[in-house]
Amino acid sequence: MFLTRCLYKITEQELGRHLNLPFIDKLRVYVRGGRGGTGLKKYGGIGGQGGNVLVRGKRHLTLKNVYEKNLAKRYLAPDGENSQKMRLNAISGENLTIHVPLGIQILRDNGELIDEINDIDDECIVAHGGEGGNYKTFFQGQPGETAMVNFDLKLLADVGFVGYPNAGKSTLLSMLSRTQPAISPVPFTTLHPQIGTVVFDDGRSFSIADLPGLIEGSHIKMGLGSRFLKHTLRSKILLFVIDINGFQLEIRSPLRSAFDSIVFLTKELELYEPSLLHKPAILAINKIDQLDDKTKLNEFYYSLNNYKEILKNDYEEKWCPKNFFHFEHIVEIAGKYGTNCDHLCSLLRRSLDEHSDRNNTKIKFSSSF
């Protein structure tokens, strides 16, 4: 009895492990196809096929929703019916469908990619049902496939924010969209990705993702932003949000200038995935309302325009990215007051349209995620 109680408590704790998390971007589940029904040898009856386990995309869904609907994380498709004298061809088991959010990669435990779910009604089979009993199986129903599969979410957003903690990304998100994220002068207020939607008067819209701030070492899983770097991979455009006053993680940490921020963020992205540096990028220089004069801005623009020389003379080689972002647009903003935010929105929209035309593909703008 004592052991049973202990096991129950352990199971209860395990089942509720994800419930306190505000955001889940990985989920591992067990799937099993239904067993095939038994055939009827005397009359040549064929057992029903076991049901398949399917994964299908659905809007307005999160991985946490998926988990809450099935805390055990076990998906067992129904078995096929047995063949009977009055129904020799038995009925197959129904398919079991797991609805998941868009942007899911389905992986085996060894990292092998099974499929991706990027659009509504995208569908794949993750466990086939067993064959119904017939003469080839000596009329014995066959077991369905079993597997452990992993759902790995990579957010599908048109624009992905990149920046240090406390650069004003959440404030900017609230200004650009209808989202109301937590905002505080304390670094690391954003604990998980926030998705917002920018809506124009003509009904056009695009999605933006605010990710937890990156720090030096994020590519090797340092800081809150490390586990969310993967979400930048699917953004069509990267929006760098830089504090013109620079960034200091804590009192003992060195103060990074605005140009330092660009250099180190670029290096982090390059170390994580070099192809990110080929994405279209726009730079928003934030908190210009805090400047007394143009000195910091002029110094920043000089460094940016002469970045090759500056990197060679002033930075250790290990901090110098092999490639550098060439920003399509640079906008000076004051996110707290909305200064130039409308102009920034227009530039983002124009850039999305331009790159859609260049790639000869139509960008799908979403009103909600």
Protein backbone atom coordinates (compact mmCIF):
# COMPACT_ATOMS: atom_id res chain seq x y z
CA MET A 1 0.00 0.00 0.00
CA PHE A 2 2.82 2.38 0.91
CA LEU A 3 4.61 1.67 -2.39
CA THR A 4 1.37 2.18 -4.31
CA ARG A 5 0.86 5.59 -2.70
CA CYS A 6 4.44 6.61 -3.53
CA LEU A 7 4.05 5.51 -7.14
CA TYR A 8 0.75 7.39 -7.36
CA LYS A 9 2.39 10.58 -6.07
CA ILE A 10 5.28 10.24 -8.52
CA THR A 11 2.87 9.67 -11.40
CA GLU A 12 0.74 12.62 -10.29
CA GLN A 13 3.80 14.88 -10.16
CA GLU A 14 4.97 13.71 -13.59
CA LEU A 15 1.55 14.27 -15.15
CA GLY A 16 1.40 17.81 -13.84
CA ARG A 17 4.99 18.72 -14.64
CA HIS A 18 4.12 20.89 -17.65
CA LEU A 19 0.96 22.45 -16.25
CA ASN A 20 2.76 25.23 -14.38
CA LEU A 21 4.78 26.19 -17.44
CA PRO A 22 3.38 29.23 -19.32
CA PHE A 23 4.83 28.03 -22.61
CA ILE A 24 5.71 24.60 -24.01
CA ASP A 25 7.66 24.23 -27.26
CA LYS A 26 8.57 20.54 -26.92
CA LEU A 27 6.39 17.54 -26.16
CA ARG A 28 7.24 13.83 -26.27
CA VAL A 29 4.36 11.38 -26.68
CA TYR A 30 3.78 7.65 -27.09
CA VAL A 31 1.73 6.53 -30.10
CA ARG A 32 0.38 3.11 -31.01
CA GLY A 33 -1.59 2.02 -34.03
CA GLY A 34 -4.60 -0.22 -33.43
CA ARG A 35 -4.25 -3.98 -33.62
CA GLY A 36 -5.78 -5.73 -36.61
CA GLY A 37 -8.90 -7.78 -35.94
CA THR A 38 -8.88 -11.58 -36.01
CA GLY A 39 -9.99 -13.23 -39.26
CA LEU A 40 -12.47 -16.11 -39.54
CA LYS A 41 -10.55 -18.99 -41.07
CA LYS A 42 -13.55 -21.25 -41.59
CA TYR A 43 -15.23 -18.77 -43.96
CA GLY A 44 -12.18 -16.86 -45.18
CA GLY A 45 -13.27 -13.80 -43.20
CA ILE A 46 -10.82 -10.88 -42.97
CA GLY A 47 -10.25 -8.96 -39.74
CA GLY A 48 -10.54 -5.20 -39.70
CA GLN A 49 -7.45 -3.04 -40.15
CA GLY A 50 -6.22 -1.34 -36.97
CA GLY A 51 -6.65 2.43 -36.82
CA ASN A 52 -3.77 4.76 -37.64
CA VAL A 53 -2.48 7.57 -35.41
CA LEU A 54 -2.45 10.83 -37.38
CA VAL A 55 -1.05 14.29 -36.62
CA ARG A 56 -2.90 17.24 -38.17
CA GLY A 57 -2.34 21.02 -38.04
CA LYS A 58 -4.89 23.31 -36.44
CA ARG A 59 -5.01 27.05 -35.78
CA HIS A 60 -5.52 28.68 -32.38
CA LEU A 61 -3.81 25.81 -30.59
CA THR A 62 -0.70 25.55 -28.41
CA LEU A 63 1.40 22.58 -27.35
CA LYS A 64 0.24 23.25 -23.81
CA ASN A 65 -3.36 22.76 -25.02
CA VAL A 66 -2.30 19.45 -26.56
CA TYR A 67 -0.72 18.35 -23.29
CA GLU A 68 -3.68 19.43 -21.15
CA LYS A 69 -6.04 17.31 -23.26
CA ASN A 70 -3.96 14.18 -22.68
CA LEU A 71 -1.82 14.38 -19.55
CA ALA A 72 -0.67 10.78 -19.95
CA LYS A 73 0.81 11.65 -23.37
CA ARG A 74 -0.35 8.29 -24.75
CA TYR A 75 -2.31 8.01 -27.99
CA LEU A 76 -3.73 4.56 -28.74
CA ALA A 77 -5.73 4.08 -31.93
CA PRO A 78 -8.73 1.69 -31.80
CA ASP A 79 -8.29 -1.93 -32.86
CA GLY A 80 -9.96 -3.39 -35.92
CA GLU A 81 -13.04 -5.55 -35.35
CA ASN A 82 -12.91 -9.33 -35.58
CA SER A 83 -14.42 -11.07 -38.58
CA GLN A 84 -17.81 -12.66 -37.87
CA LYS A 85 -20.05 -15.07 -39.71
CA MET A 86 -22.55 -12.28 -40.41
CA ARG A 87 -19.80 -9.79 -41.39
CA LEU A 88 -16.85 -11.55 -42.96
CA ASN A 89 -15.09 -8.32 -43.93
CA ALA A 90 -14.77 -6.76 -40.50
CA ILE A 91 -14.84 -3.01 -39.88
CA SER A 92 -11.49 -1.27 -39.54
CA GLY A 93 -10.61 0.68 -36.41
CA GLU A 94 -11.12 4.44 -36.61
CA ASN A 95 -8.08 6.64 -37.03
CA LEU A 96 -6.97 8.66 -34.02
CA THR A 97 -6.05 12.27 -34.84
CA ILE A 98 -3.75 14.42 -32.71
CA HIS A 99 -4.29 18.11 -33.46
CA VAL A 100 -1.16 20.23 -33.06
CA PRO A 101 -0.30 23.91 -33.62
CA LEU A 102 1.27 25.08 -36.86
CA GLY A 103 5.05 25.15 -37.02
CA ILE A 104 5.57 21.66 -35.57
CA GLN A 105 8.40 19.36 -36.53
CA ILE A 106 7.71 15.70 -35.75
CA LEU A 107 10.89 13.87 -34.78
CA ARG A 108 11.93 10.43 -33.63
CA ASP A 109 14.04 10.10 -30.48
CA ASN A 110 17.17 9.79 -32.61
CA GLY A 111 16.47 13.19 -34.17
CA GLU A 112 15.17 11.83 -37.49
CA LEU A 113 12.57 14.13 -39.03
CA ILE A 114 9.29 12.37 -39.74
CA ASP A 115 7.38 15.34 -41.13
CA GLU A 116 6.45 18.99 -40.58
CA ILE A 117 3.06 20.55 -39.89
CA ASN A 118 3.08 24.10 -41.24
CA ASP A 119 -0.47 24.67 -42.48
CA ILE A 120 -4.00 23.81 -41.47
CA ASP A 121 -4.94 20.29 -42.47
CA ASP A 122 -1.29 19.29 -43.03
CA GLU A 123 -1.35 15.67 -41.95
CA CYS A 124 0.95 12.70 -41.46
CA ILE A 125 0.71 9.19 -40.05
CA VAL A 126 2.99 8.56 -37.07
CA ALA A 127 1.82 5.00 -36.29
CA HIS A 128 0.15 2.64 -38.77
CA GLY A 129 -2.53 0.24 -37.65
CA GLY A 130 -1.89 -3.49 -37.82
CA GLU A 131 -3.10 -5.63 -40.70
CA GLY A 132 -6.38 -7.48 -40.21
CA GLY A 133 -6.19 -11.26 -39.95
CA ASN A 134 -6.22 -13.01 -43.36
CA TYR A 135 -4.80 -16.09 -45.05
CA LYS A 136 -1.33 -14.50 -45.25
CA THR A 137 -1.24 -13.96 -41.48
CA PHE A 138 -2.99 -17.24 -40.69
CA PHE A 139 -6.02 -15.10 -39.83
CA GLN A 140 -4.26 -13.54 -36.83
CA GLY A 141 -4.57 -9.78 -36.45
CA GLN A 142 -1.21 -7.99 -36.51
CA PRO A 143 -0.11 -5.47 -33.88
CA GLY A 144 0.01 -1.79 -34.80
CA GLU A 145 3.18 0.25 -34.91
CA THR A 146 4.43 1.79 -31.68
CA ALA A 147 6.76 4.75 -31.32
CA MET A 148 7.87 7.64 -29.15
CA VAL A 149 7.61 10.85 -31.17
CA ASN A 150 8.60 14.39 -30.33
CA PHE A 151 6.68 17.53 -31.25
CA ASP A 152 9.14 20.41 -31.64
CA LEU A 153 7.53 23.82 -32.12
CA LYS A 154 9.25 26.49 -34.18
CA LEU A 155 7.03 29.55 -34.26
CA LEU A 156 5.76 30.67 -37.64
CA ALA A 157 6.02 34.45 -37.51
CA ASP A 158 6.58 36.93 -40.32
CA VAL A 159 8.87 39.10 -38.17
CA GLY A 160 11.14 37.90 -35.36
CA PHE A 161 12.56 40.29 -32.75
CA VAL A 162 16.27 40.02 -31.91
CA GLY A 163 17.81 41.96 -29.04
CA TYR A 164 19.30 42.02 -25.58
CA PRO A 165 17.11 41.90 -22.46
CA ASN A 166 15.53 45.23 -21.57
CA ALA A 167 16.05 46.69 -25.05
CA GLY A 168 12.35 47.55 -25.20
CA LYS A 169 11.15 44.65 -27.35
CA SER A 170 8.03 43.94 -25.29
CA THR A 171 7.12 47.63 -25.20
CA LEU A 172 7.52 47.81 -28.96
CA LEU A 173 5.41 44.68 -29.40
CA SER A 174 2.57 46.27 -27.43
CA MET A 175 2.82 49.42 -29.55
CA LEU A 176 2.86 47.59 -32.87
CA SER A 177 0.20 45.00 -32.08
CA ARG A 178 -2.76 44.24 -29.89
CA THR A 179 -0.66 42.09 -27.55
CA GLN A 180 -0.13 43.19 -23.95
CA PRO A 181 3.05 41.45 -22.75
CA ALA A 182 4.56 41.89 -19.29
CA ILE A 183 6.74 45.01 -19.29
CA SER A 184 9.30 45.91 -16.62
CA PRO A 185 12.64 47.74 -16.33
CA VAL A 186 14.06 44.49 -14.95
CA PRO A 187 15.89 42.30 -17.54
CA PHE A 188 14.35 38.95 -18.51
CA THR A 189 10.72 40.04 -18.04
CA THR A 190 9.88 38.10 -21.22
CA LEU A 191 10.09 34.47 -20.11
CA HIS A 192 8.63 32.87 -23.23
CA PRO A 193 7.83 33.90 -26.81
CA GLN A 194 4.98 36.34 -27.37
CA ILE A 195 3.12 36.49 -30.69
CA GLY A 196 1.45 39.71 -31.77
CA THR A 197 -0.36 40.80 -34.91
CA VAL A 198 -0.01 44.10 -36.74
CA VAL A 199 -3.27 45.00 -38.49
CA PHE A 200 -3.56 47.77 -41.10
CA ASP A 201 -6.64 49.79 -41.99
CA ASP A 202 -7.00 47.92 -45.30
CA GLY A 203 -7.25 44.60 -43.45
CA ARG A 204 -3.70 43.48 -44.22
CA SER A 205 -1.80 42.01 -41.30
CA PHE A 206 1.40 40.25 -40.34
CA SER A 207 2.64 38.44 -37.25
CA ILE A 208 5.56 39.38 -35.02
CA ALA A 209 7.34 37.27 -32.40
CA ASP A 210 9.00 38.74 -29.31
CA LEU A 211 11.54 36.26 -27.96
CA PRO A 212 13.30 36.30 -24.57
CA GLY A 213 16.40 38.47 -24.76
CA LEU A 214 19.66 36.92 -25.89
CA ILE A 215 22.91 37.20 -23.97
CA GLU A 216 26.47 36.28 -24.86
CA GLY A 217 26.59 32.49 -24.82
CA SER A 218 22.97 31.92 -25.87
CA HIS A 219 24.13 29.60 -28.65
CA ILE A 220 25.49 27.23 -25.95
CA LYS A 221 22.31 27.45 -23.88
CA MET A 222 23.22 30.32 -21.58
CA GLY A 223 20.40 32.64 -20.53
CA LEU A 224 16.65 32.51 -21.12
CA GLY A 225 16.92 33.23 -24.84
CA SER A 226 18.98 30.12 -25.59
CA ARG A 227 16.15 27.62 -25.93
CA PHE A 228 14.17 30.04 -28.08
CA LEU A 229 16.85 30.81 -30.68
CA LYS A 230 15.30 28.17 -32.91
CA HIS A 231 12.21 30.34 -33.34
CA THR A 232 14.24 32.86 -35.36
CA LEU A 233 14.76 30.22 -38.05
CA ARG A 234 11.24 30.52 -39.44
CA SER A 235 10.89 34.28 -39.28
CA LYS A 236 10.83 35.86 -42.73
CA ILE A 237 12.45 39.06 -41.45
CA LEU A 238 14.59 39.74 -38.38
CA LEU A 239 13.94 42.99 -36.54
CA PHE A 240 16.89 44.01 -34.37
CA VAL A 241 15.81 46.15 -31.41
CA ILE A 242 18.81 47.96 -29.91
CA ASP A 243 18.95 50.29 -26.91
CA ILE A 244 20.93 53.35 -28.05
CA ASN A 245 22.26 53.64 -24.49
CA GLY A 246 23.78 50.17 -24.67
CA PHE A 247 23.25 47.13 -22.45
CA GLN A 248 24.62 45.98 -19.10
CA LEU A 249 23.41 42.63 -17.77
CA GLU A 250 24.41 43.42 -14.18
CA ILE A 251 26.66 45.80 -12.25
CA ARG A 252 29.68 43.51 -12.55
CA SER A 253 29.16 43.06 -16.29
CA PRO A 254 30.77 45.34 -18.88
CA LEU A 255 28.60 48.00 -20.49
CA ARG A 256 28.00 47.15 -24.13
CA SER A 257 27.49 50.05 -26.51
CA ALA A 258 24.75 50.01 -29.14
CA PHE A 259 27.30 48.93 -31.76
CA ASP A 260 28.64 46.25 -29.39
CA SER A 261 25.09 44.93 -29.19
CA ILE A 262 24.91 44.53 -32.97
CA VAL A 263 28.30 42.78 -33.09
CA PHE A 264 27.66 40.33 -30.27
CA LEU A 265 24.08 39.53 -31.30
CA THR A 266 25.27 38.87 -34.85
CA LYS A 267 27.98 36.58 -33.51
CA GLU A 268 25.47 34.65 -31.36
CA LEU A 269 23.17 34.10 -34.33
CA GLU A 270 26.09 33.07 -36.54
CA LEU A 271 27.33 30.54 -33.98
CA TYR A 272 23.83 29.10 -33.63
CA GLU A 273 22.96 28.96 -37.34
CA PRO A 274 25.08 30.79 -39.97
CA SER A 275 22.22 30.89 -42.49
CA LEU A 276 20.37 33.35 -40.22
CA LEU A 277 22.75 36.07 -41.38
CA HIS A 278 21.31 35.79 -44.88
CA LYS A 279 17.80 36.70 -43.73
CA PRO A 280 16.43 40.17 -44.46
CA ALA A 281 16.97 42.41 -41.43
CA ILE A 282 15.75 45.80 -40.23
CA LEU A 283 17.27 47.74 -37.34
CA ALA A 284 15.21 49.69 -34.80
CA ILE A 285 17.31 52.00 -32.62
CA ASN A 286 15.19 52.35 -29.50
CA LYS A 287 14.94 54.85 -26.61
CA ILE A 288 16.03 57.88 -28.62
CA ASP A 289 13.78 59.90 -26.30
CA GLN A 290 16.46 59.48 -23.61
CA LEU A 291 19.18 61.24 -25.65
CA ASP A 292 20.24 64.79 -24.84
CA ASP A 293 22.01 65.24 -28.17
CA LYS A 294 23.09 63.32 -31.30
CA THR A 295 26.51 62.24 -29.99
CA LYS A 296 25.65 58.58 -29.32
CA LEU A 297 23.73 58.29 -32.59
CA ASN A 298 26.60 59.78 -34.60
CA GLU A 299 29.10 57.45 -32.94
CA PHE A 300 26.85 54.49 -33.65
CA TYR A 301 26.38 55.36 -37.33
CA TYR A 302 30.11 55.91 -37.76
CA SER A 303 30.87 52.47 -36.31
CA LEU A 304 28.18 50.81 -38.41
CA ASN A 305 29.36 52.45 -41.64
CA ASN A 306 32.98 51.50 -40.90
CA TYR A 307 32.30 48.16 -39.25
CA LYS A 308 35.11 46.26 -41.02
CA GLU A 309 37.77 48.65 -39.78
CA ILE A 310 36.22 48.88 -36.30
CA LEU A 311 36.02 45.10 -35.92
CA LYS A 312 39.61 44.65 -37.06
CA ASN A 313 41.04 47.27 -34.70
CA ASP A 314 38.81 47.18 -31.62
CA TYR A 315 37.51 43.60 -31.20
CA GLU A 316 39.08 40.26 -30.39
CA GLU A 317 38.88 37.87 -33.31
CA LYS A 318 36.67 35.44 -31.37
CA TRP A 319 33.94 38.11 -31.14
CA CYS A 320 34.04 39.10 -34.81
CA PRO A 321 31.34 37.50 -36.97
CA LYS A 322 32.51 36.17 -40.34
CA ASN A 323 29.56 37.91 -41.98
CA PHE A 324 27.64 41.00 -40.99
CA PHE A 325 24.03 42.03 -41.36
CA HIS A 326 23.33 44.66 -44.01
CA PHE A 327 20.19 46.28 -42.67
CA GLU A 328 17.62 47.17 -45.30
CA HIS A 329 16.28 49.98 -43.16
CA ILE A 330 17.35 51.71 -39.95
CA VAL A 331 14.66 53.45 -37.92
CA GLU A 332 15.10 55.59 -34.82
CA ILE A 333 12.19 54.96 -32.45
CA ALA A 334 10.92 55.60 -28.96
CA GLY A 335 8.83 52.50 -28.34
CA LYS A 336 7.49 53.79 -25.03
CA TYR A 337 5.79 56.73 -26.76
CA GLY A 338 5.18 55.17 -30.17
CA THR A 339 7.55 57.56 -31.94
CA ASN A 340 8.12 56.39 -35.55
CA CYS A 341 6.34 53.07 -34.85
CA ASP A 342 3.89 53.62 -37.72
CA HIS A 343 6.81 54.23 -40.06
CA LEU A 344 8.49 51.04 -38.81
CA CYS A 345 5.30 49.06 -39.49
CA SER A 346 5.16 50.40 -43.04
CA LEU A 347 8.78 49.42 -43.67
CA LEU A 348 8.20 45.92 -42.31
CA ARG A 349 5.17 45.49 -44.55
CA ARG A 350 7.05 46.78 -47.60
CA SER A 351 10.00 44.49 -46.90
CA LEU A 352 7.74 41.45 -46.52
CA ASP A 353 6.07 42.26 -49.84
CA GLU A 354 9.38 42.83 -51.63
CA HIS A 355 10.89 39.55 -50.50
CA SER A 356 7.68 37.74 -51.29
CA ASP A 357 7.91 39.04 -54.87
CA ARG A 358 11.62 38.16 -55.16
CA ASN A 359 11.00 34.61 -54.07
CA ASN A 360 7.97 34.43 -56.37
CA THR A 361 5.92 33.13 -53.46
CA LYS A 362 2.93 34.58 -51.74
CA ILE A 363 3.46 35.35 -48.08
CA LYS A 364 0.60 34.17 -45.92
CA PHE A 365 -0.40 36.93 -43.54
CA SER A 366 -2.20 35.69 -40.47
CA SER A 367 -4.61 37.61 -38.31
CA SER A 368 -3.93 35.41 -35.30
CA PHE A 369 -1.90 32.50 -34.04
